Amino acid sequence: MIAMQVAEIIAQYVVFLELTDEEDLNLDTAVKMMEVLAGQLQEMDKGFLRELVNAFPIIAEQYSGEAQEVVRGIAYGYYLEDALAAGDPVKLAALEALRDAKG
């Protein structure tokens, strides 16, 4: 339950940072905030982080259009699966291959 609530807060934050017009939000500031968020998320307890990663596709259904795609892509874009795979060279290699394939 709490993971869903936290995922919703994170999703709103990410949608704001990624989809707000450059006239309304300084691009450099947005990038810095996304980097800070990524670092904080990657440092979370792995069990809770797994719950968050699993929650993003579920809450993405509350959004539409580009915002929905942004929310679906949080785990990928913020390297959360990579953080969860830390210490597992096979999983990390698979994730790297997936990133290479997506270009």
C-alpha atoms as a PDB file:
ATOM      1  CA  MET A   1       0.000   0.000   0.000  1.00  0.00           C
ATOM      2  CA  ILE A   2       2.649   2.525   0.994  1.00  0.00           C
ATOM      3  CA  ALA A   3       4.687   1.684  -2.103  1.00  0.00           C
ATOM      4  CA  MET A   4       1.726   2.604  -4.307  1.00  0.00           C
ATOM      5  CA  GLN A   5       1.346   5.935  -2.515  1.00  0.00           C
ATOM      6  CA  VAL A   6       5.051   6.716  -2.780  1.00  0.00           C
ATOM      7  CA  ALA A   7       5.035   5.662  -6.446  1.00  0.00           C
ATOM      8  CA  GLU A   8       2.176   8.091  -7.094  1.00  0.00           C
ATOM      9  CA  ILE A   9       4.134  10.949  -5.512  1.00  0.00           C
ATOM     10  CA  ILE A  10       7.244  10.073  -7.512  1.00  0.00           C
ATOM     11  CA  ALA A  11       5.199   9.771 -10.710  1.00  0.00           C
ATOM     12  CA  GLN A  12       3.669  13.227 -10.247  1.00  0.00           C
ATOM     13  CA  TYR A  13       7.116  14.677  -9.604  1.00  0.00           C
ATOM     14  CA  VAL A  14       8.649  12.987 -12.660  1.00  0.00           C
ATOM     15  CA  VAL A  15       5.765  13.946 -14.955  1.00  0.00           C
ATOM     16  CA  PHE A  16       6.119  17.552 -13.805  1.00  0.00           C
ATOM     17  CA  LEU A  17       9.886  17.595 -14.392  1.00  0.00           C
ATOM     18  CA  GLU A  18       9.748  15.877 -17.756  1.00  0.00           C
ATOM     19  CA  LEU A  19       6.675  17.466 -19.294  1.00  0.00           C
ATOM     20  CA  THR A  20       6.685  21.045 -18.008  1.00  0.00           C
ATOM     21  CA  ASP A  21       7.488  23.567 -20.717  1.00  0.00           C
ATOM     22  CA  GLU A  22      10.995  25.048 -20.646  1.00  0.00           C
ATOM     23  CA  GLU A  23       9.422  28.502 -20.292  1.00  0.00           C
ATOM     24  CA  ASP A  24       7.932  27.434 -16.959  1.00  0.00           C
ATOM     25  CA  LEU A  25      10.809  25.328 -15.628  1.00  0.00           C
ATOM     26  CA  ASN A  26      14.542  25.869 -16.048  1.00  0.00           C
ATOM     27  CA  LEU A  27      15.914  22.876 -17.958  1.00  0.00           C
ATOM     28  CA  ASP A  28      19.157  22.730 -15.959  1.00  0.00           C
ATOM     29  CA  THR A  29      17.215  22.735 -12.702  1.00  0.00           C
ATOM     30  CA  ALA A  30      14.920  19.962 -13.955  1.00  0.00           C
ATOM     31  CA  VAL A  31      17.884  17.800 -14.973  1.00  0.00           C
ATOM     32  CA  LYS A  32      19.567  18.320 -11.593  1.00  0.00           C
ATOM     33  CA  MET A  33      16.379  17.361  -9.776  1.00  0.00           C
ATOM     34  CA  MET A  34      15.983  14.228 -11.917  1.00  0.00           C
ATOM     35  CA  GLU A  35      19.567  13.230 -11.118  1.00  0.00           C
ATOM     36  CA  VAL A  36      18.977  13.761  -7.390  1.00  0.00           C
ATOM     37  CA  LEU A  37      15.781  11.719  -7.551  1.00  0.00           C
ATOM     38  CA  ALA A  38      17.514   8.902  -9.428  1.00  0.00           C
ATOM     39  CA  GLY A  39      20.276   8.737  -6.851  1.00  0.00           C
ATOM     40  CA  GLN A  40      17.849   8.703  -3.943  1.00  0.00           C
ATOM     41  CA  LEU A  41      15.705   6.007  -5.522  1.00  0.00           C
ATOM     42  CA  GLN A  42      18.699   3.807  -6.304  1.00  0.00           C
ATOM     43  CA  GLU A  43      19.789   3.991  -2.655  1.00  0.00           C
ATOM     44  CA  MET A  44      16.455   2.764  -1.294  1.00  0.00           C
ATOM     45  CA  ASP A  45      16.027  -0.536   0.471  1.00  0.00           C
ATOM     46  CA  LYS A  46      15.963  -3.143  -2.320  1.00  0.00           C
ATOM     47  CA  GLY A  47      12.741  -4.769  -1.123  1.00  0.00           C
ATOM     48  CA  PHE A  48      10.893  -1.460  -1.090  1.00  0.00           C
ATOM     49  CA  LEU A  49      12.466  -0.432  -4.390  1.00  0.00           C
ATOM     50  CA  ARG A  50      11.123  -3.654  -5.963  1.00  0.00           C
ATOM     51  CA  GLU A  51       7.643  -2.728  -4.724  1.00  0.00           C
ATOM     52  CA  LEU A  52       8.004   0.744  -6.273  1.00  0.00           C
ATOM     53  CA  VAL A  53       9.214  -0.653  -9.597  1.00  0.00           C
ATOM     54  CA  ASN A  54       6.219  -2.992  -9.655  1.00  0.00           C
ATOM     55  CA  ALA A  55       3.845  -0.132  -8.776  1.00  0.00           C
ATOM     56  CA  PHE A  56       4.769   2.214 -11.649  1.00  0.00           C
ATOM     57  CA  PRO A  57       3.027   0.223 -14.440  1.00  0.00           C
ATOM     58  CA  ILE A  58      -0.081  -0.044 -12.274  1.00  0.00           C
ATOM     59  CA  ILE A  59      -0.343   3.656 -11.497  1.00  0.00           C
ATOM     60  CA  ALA A  60       0.555   4.563 -15.086  1.00  0.00           C
ATOM     61  CA  GLU A  61      -3.011   3.572 -15.974  1.00  0.00           C
ATOM     62  CA  GLN A  62      -4.207   6.683 -14.110  1.00  0.00           C
ATOM     63  CA  TYR A  63      -2.448   8.841 -16.709  1.00  0.00           C
ATOM     64  CA  SER A  64      -2.949   9.276 -20.417  1.00  0.00           C
ATOM     65  CA  GLY A  65      -0.827  10.036 -23.435  1.00  0.00           C
ATOM     66  CA  GLU A  66       2.726  11.163 -22.917  1.00  0.00           C
ATOM     67  CA  ALA A  67       2.363  11.294 -19.123  1.00  0.00           C
ATOM     68  CA  GLN A  68       1.402   7.615 -19.089  1.00  0.00           C
ATOM     69  CA  GLU A  69       4.523   6.713 -21.049  1.00  0.00           C
ATOM     70  CA  VAL A  70       6.668   8.806 -18.701  1.00  0.00           C
ATOM     71  CA  VAL A  71       5.300   6.940 -15.667  1.00  0.00           C
ATOM     72  CA  ARG A  72       5.716   3.544 -17.339  1.00  0.00           C
ATOM     73  CA  GLY A  73       9.323   4.442 -18.103  1.00  0.00           C
ATOM     74  CA  ILE A  74      10.380   5.561 -14.620  1.00  0.00           C
ATOM     75  CA  ALA A  75      12.022   2.265 -13.629  1.00  0.00           C
ATOM     76  CA  TYR A  76      13.923   2.112 -16.927  1.00  0.00           C
ATOM     77  CA  GLY A  77      14.795   5.808 -17.169  1.00  0.00           C
ATOM     78  CA  TYR A  78      16.017   6.075 -13.604  1.00  0.00           C
ATOM     79  CA  TYR A  79      18.000   2.789 -13.762  1.00  0.00           C
ATOM     80  CA  LEU A  80      16.000   1.219 -10.957  1.00  0.00           C
ATOM     81  CA  GLU A  81      16.164  -2.304 -12.375  1.00  0.00           C
ATOM     82  CA  ASP A  82      19.931  -1.834 -12.618  1.00  0.00           C
ATOM     83  CA  ALA A  83      20.044  -0.848  -8.940  1.00  0.00           C
ATOM     84  CA  LEU A  84      18.063  -3.960  -8.076  1.00  0.00           C
ATOM     85  CA  ALA A  85      20.428  -6.117 -10.155  1.00  0.00           C
ATOM     86  CA  ALA A  86      23.574  -4.741  -8.503  1.00  0.00           C
ATOM     87  CA  GLY A  87      25.927  -7.609  -7.759  1.00  0.00           C
ATOM     88  CA  ASP A  88      24.344  -9.896 -10.357  1.00  0.00           C
ATOM     89  CA  PRO A  89      26.495  -9.718 -13.507  1.00  0.00           C
ATOM     90  CA  VAL A  90      24.071 -11.829 -15.554  1.00  0.00           C
ATOM     91  CA  LYS A  91      21.099  -9.539 -14.858  1.00  0.00           C
ATOM     92  CA  LEU A  92      23.233  -6.442 -15.376  1.00  0.00           C
ATOM     93  CA  ALA A  93      24.441  -7.764 -18.738  1.00  0.00           C
ATOM     94  CA  ALA A  94      20.856  -8.477 -19.790  1.00  0.00           C
ATOM     95  CA  LEU A  95      19.792  -4.962 -18.807  1.00  0.00           C
ATOM     96  CA  GLU A  96      22.740  -3.468 -20.683  1.00  0.00           C
ATOM     97  CA  ALA A  97      21.846  -5.490 -23.788  1.00  0.00           C
ATOM     98  CA  LEU A  98      18.263  -4.240 -23.526  1.00  0.00           C
ATOM     99  CA  ARG A  99      19.472  -0.633 -23.292  1.00  0.00           C
ATOM    100  CA  ASP A 100      21.772  -1.146 -26.285  1.00  0.00           C
ATOM    101  CA  ALA A 101      18.899  -2.606 -28.301  1.00  0.00           C
ATOM    102  CA  LYS A 102      16.670   0.371 -27.494  1.00  0.00           C
ATOM    103  CA  GLY A 103      19.450   2.609 -28.686  1.00  0.00           C
END
